[in-house]
Amino acid sequence: MAPGLLDLVHLTTWAVCAVIKLPQLVAVLRAGSAWGLSLSSLLLELAGYLVFLRYQIYYGYPLETYLEYPIIIAQDVILIYCIMHFSGKARRALFYAVIFWGSWYMLTLQKWIIDLAMNLCTFVSAASKLVQLQHLWQNKDSGQASALTWGMSVYTSAARIITTVMTTNDLVVLIRFIIMLILNIWVTATILHYRKTRKTD
């Protein structure tokens, strides 16, 4: 039963991640605005995803435990560019691309670098969620923030807790997913709260 459950969790996680940022992209493109979204949050999120992917590859973890990350990263890059475009900051995209590209290679120059980066990755990823929360609280409006995208993030975090326990049992990775689950629930609830508040006004 466990291998069947594991396969199901992997499959559903990949399916969700294949479209995880699409509701957010559609909302931004339809509105022609990135109101409610924090560029800093997305840049931190992207950094966290890149470190996590590099760590998984470096240690030779099974492909099925991180296969969704290249897909999420590609979607994040597109979303970040859209936000920069609608915010009039599209010229900065090349700068960020160079920084992220260089960091990708520097992470594995020494084993201690990737290990340290992975330990910091949880803080970076958590910071990305906290920055988005702060942005929502400050504006008291969810704007174009997609509750569906964040809700799917809740599912994938929960699913990856299961797959981590069943495959690698890496404590650092497990703690990361538990923290991400809690923060994703918090962001989703905040978006829904402000959406409800906006409808009742």
Protein backbone atom coordinates (compact mmCIF):
# COMPACT_ATOMS: atom_id res chain seq x y z
CA MET A 1 0.00 0.00 0.00
CA ALA A 2 2.78 2.45 0.86
CA PRO A 3 4.39 2.42 -2.62
CA GLY A 4 0.96 2.97 -4.20
CA LEU A 5 0.25 5.85 -1.83
CA LEU A 6 3.67 7.33 -2.49
CA ASP A 7 3.14 7.16 -6.25
CA LEU A 8 -0.28 8.79 -5.88
CA VAL A 9 1.12 11.62 -3.76
CA HIS A 10 3.96 12.19 -6.23
CA LEU A 11 1.58 12.18 -9.17
CA THR A 12 -0.93 14.57 -7.62
CA THR A 13 1.86 16.89 -6.49
CA TRP A 14 3.27 17.05 -10.02
CA ALA A 15 -0.19 17.65 -11.45
CA VAL A 16 -0.90 20.49 -9.02
CA CYS A 17 2.53 22.02 -9.53
CA ALA A 18 2.14 21.93 -13.31
CA VAL A 19 -0.54 24.62 -12.92
CA ILE A 20 0.19 26.06 -9.47
CA LYS A 21 1.05 29.58 -10.60
CA LEU A 22 -1.40 29.72 -13.50
CA PRO A 23 -4.33 31.13 -11.47
CA GLN A 24 -2.01 33.85 -10.24
CA LEU A 25 -0.70 34.56 -13.73
CA VAL A 26 -4.22 34.71 -15.14
CA ALA A 27 -5.32 37.12 -12.40
CA VAL A 28 -2.36 39.42 -13.03
CA LEU A 29 -2.73 39.35 -16.81
CA ARG A 30 -6.50 39.91 -16.70
CA ALA A 31 -6.16 42.85 -14.36
CA GLY A 32 -3.08 44.24 -16.07
CA SER A 33 -1.86 44.83 -12.55
CA ALA A 34 0.17 43.12 -9.85
CA TRP A 35 -1.66 44.85 -7.00
CA GLY A 36 -1.62 42.68 -3.89
CA LEU A 37 1.53 40.81 -4.85
CA SER A 38 4.94 41.42 -3.39
CA LEU A 39 7.85 41.26 -5.82
CA SER A 40 10.24 40.81 -2.89
CA SER A 41 8.22 37.83 -1.73
CA LEU A 42 8.41 36.18 -5.14
CA LEU A 43 12.14 36.84 -5.47
CA LEU A 44 12.75 35.24 -2.07
CA GLU A 45 10.50 32.34 -3.04
CA LEU A 46 12.45 31.83 -6.25
CA ALA A 47 15.73 31.88 -4.33
CA GLY A 48 14.37 29.26 -1.94
CA TYR A 49 13.20 27.05 -4.79
CA LEU A 50 16.56 27.29 -6.56
CA VAL A 51 18.51 26.38 -3.44
CA PHE A 52 16.16 23.52 -2.65
CA LEU A 53 16.38 22.13 -6.19
CA ARG A 54 20.16 22.42 -6.23
CA TYR A 55 20.38 20.64 -2.86
CA GLN A 56 18.18 17.78 -4.03
CA ILE A 57 20.25 17.34 -7.20
CA TYR A 58 23.57 17.64 -5.35
CA TYR A 59 22.70 14.86 -2.92
CA GLY A 60 21.22 12.63 -5.61
CA TYR A 61 17.76 12.41 -4.11
CA PRO A 62 15.16 10.57 -6.18
CA LEU A 63 13.93 12.67 -9.08
CA GLU A 64 10.31 12.16 -8.10
CA THR A 65 10.91 14.04 -4.82
CA TYR A 66 11.72 17.29 -6.60
CA LEU A 67 10.52 16.94 -10.20
CA GLU A 68 7.99 19.74 -9.78
CA TYR A 69 10.59 22.38 -8.88
CA PRO A 70 11.80 23.17 -12.42
CA ILE A 71 8.14 23.65 -13.41
CA ILE A 72 7.42 25.91 -10.43
CA ILE A 73 10.62 27.87 -11.04
CA ALA A 74 9.67 28.47 -14.68
CA GLN A 75 6.22 29.67 -13.63
CA ASP A 76 7.73 31.89 -10.93
CA VAL A 77 10.10 33.48 -13.45
CA ILE A 78 7.20 34.28 -15.78
CA LEU A 79 5.14 35.67 -12.90
CA ILE A 80 8.04 37.78 -11.65
CA TYR A 81 8.56 39.20 -15.12
CA CYS A 82 4.85 40.05 -15.41
CA ILE A 83 4.94 41.81 -12.05
CA MET A 84 8.05 43.73 -13.07
CA HIS A 85 6.42 44.63 -16.38
CA PHE A 86 3.22 45.93 -14.79
CA SER A 87 5.23 47.76 -12.12
CA GLY A 88 7.45 49.44 -14.70
CA LYS A 89 10.54 47.56 -13.51
CA ALA A 90 11.04 45.15 -16.43
CA ARG A 91 14.60 46.38 -16.99
CA ARG A 92 15.64 44.89 -13.66
CA ALA A 93 14.78 41.39 -14.87
CA LEU A 94 18.18 40.87 -16.50
CA PHE A 95 19.97 41.88 -13.30
CA TYR A 96 18.00 39.36 -11.26
CA ALA A 97 18.52 36.67 -13.90
CA VAL A 98 22.30 37.12 -13.74
CA ILE A 99 22.28 37.00 -9.92
CA PHE A 100 20.19 33.84 -9.81
CA TRP A 101 22.16 32.17 -12.59
CA GLY A 102 25.48 32.89 -10.88
CA SER A 103 24.16 31.71 -7.54
CA TRP A 104 23.01 28.43 -9.08
CA TYR A 105 26.63 27.58 -9.94
CA MET A 106 28.21 28.97 -6.79
CA LEU A 107 26.01 26.83 -4.55
CA THR A 108 27.92 23.65 -5.31
CA LEU A 109 31.47 24.96 -5.37
CA GLN A 110 31.94 23.46 -1.91
CA LYS A 111 29.80 20.99 0.05
CA TRP A 112 29.56 23.36 3.02
CA ILE A 113 28.08 26.06 0.77
CA ILE A 114 25.14 23.94 -0.37
CA ASP A 115 24.59 22.64 3.18
CA LEU A 116 24.60 26.15 4.61
CA ALA A 117 22.37 27.39 1.79
CA MET A 118 19.87 24.61 2.47
CA ASN A 119 19.80 25.45 6.16
CA LEU A 120 19.19 29.09 5.27
CA CYS A 121 16.72 28.09 2.55
CA THR A 122 13.98 27.46 5.09
CA PHE A 123 14.46 30.96 6.48
CA VAL A 124 14.48 32.48 2.99
CA SER A 125 11.34 30.59 1.97
CA ALA A 126 9.64 31.48 5.24
CA ALA A 127 10.66 35.10 4.75
CA SER A 128 9.02 35.07 1.31
CA LYS A 129 5.70 34.07 2.89
CA LEU A 130 6.08 36.59 5.71
CA VAL A 131 6.87 39.38 3.23
CA GLN A 132 3.69 38.50 1.30
CA LEU A 133 1.71 38.49 4.55
CA GLN A 134 3.14 41.86 5.52
CA HIS A 135 2.23 43.20 2.07
CA LEU A 136 -1.34 41.99 2.48
CA TRP A 137 -1.64 43.41 5.99
CA GLN A 138 -0.19 46.73 4.93
CA ASN A 139 -2.57 47.12 1.99
CA LYS A 140 -5.54 45.47 3.73
CA ASP A 141 -6.44 44.14 0.31
CA SER A 142 -5.65 40.87 -1.42
CA GLY A 143 -5.65 42.58 -4.82
CA GLN A 144 -4.66 40.08 -7.50
CA ALA A 145 -3.28 37.53 -5.01
CA SER A 146 -4.75 34.15 -5.91
CA ALA A 147 -6.17 32.10 -3.06
CA LEU A 148 -6.23 29.12 -5.42
CA THR A 149 -2.48 29.34 -6.06
CA TRP A 150 -1.78 29.59 -2.35
CA GLY A 151 -4.25 26.79 -1.60
CA MET A 152 -2.43 24.55 -4.05
CA SER A 153 0.79 25.45 -2.23
CA VAL A 154 -0.82 24.19 0.97
CA TYR A 155 -1.51 20.86 -0.72
CA THR A 156 1.97 20.49 -2.18
CA SER A 157 3.62 21.29 1.15
CA ALA A 158 1.49 18.68 2.90
CA ALA A 159 2.17 16.16 0.15
CA ARG A 160 5.90 16.74 0.35
CA ILE A 161 5.84 16.12 4.09
CA ILE A 162 4.48 12.67 3.30
CA THR A 163 6.96 11.97 0.50
CA THR A 164 9.91 13.18 2.56
CA VAL A 165 9.00 10.90 5.44
CA MET A 166 8.51 7.96 3.06
CA THR A 167 11.67 8.47 0.98
CA THR A 168 14.64 10.53 2.16
CA ASN A 169 13.59 11.24 5.76
CA ASP A 170 15.85 14.30 5.61
CA LEU A 171 15.07 16.30 8.77
CA VAL A 172 16.10 19.65 7.26
CA VAL A 173 13.78 19.10 4.31
CA LEU A 174 10.97 17.88 6.55
CA ILE A 175 11.18 20.93 8.81
CA ARG A 176 11.15 23.15 5.73
CA PHE A 177 7.93 21.60 4.44
CA ILE A 178 6.22 21.79 7.83
CA ILE A 179 7.05 25.49 8.12
CA MET A 180 5.95 26.11 4.52
CA LEU A 181 2.66 24.31 5.19
CA ILE A 182 1.88 26.52 8.17
CA LEU A 183 2.81 29.73 6.35
CA ASN A 184 0.97 28.77 3.16
CA ILE A 185 -2.18 28.16 5.20
CA TRP A 186 -1.71 31.55 6.85
CA VAL A 187 -1.28 33.39 3.54
CA THR A 188 -4.28 31.60 2.02
CA ALA A 189 -6.45 32.48 5.01
CA THR A 190 -5.30 36.10 4.86
CA ILE A 191 -6.12 36.39 1.17
CA LEU A 192 -9.55 34.90 1.76
CA HIS A 193 -10.11 37.22 4.72
CA TYR A 194 -9.35 40.34 2.69
CA ARG A 195 -11.35 39.07 -0.26
CA LYS A 196 -14.35 38.55 2.03
CA THR A 197 -13.82 41.98 3.58
CA ARG A 198 -13.69 43.57 0.13
CA LYS A 199 -16.97 41.90 -0.90
CA THR A 200 -18.80 43.08 2.21
CA ASP A 201 -17.67 46.71 1.83
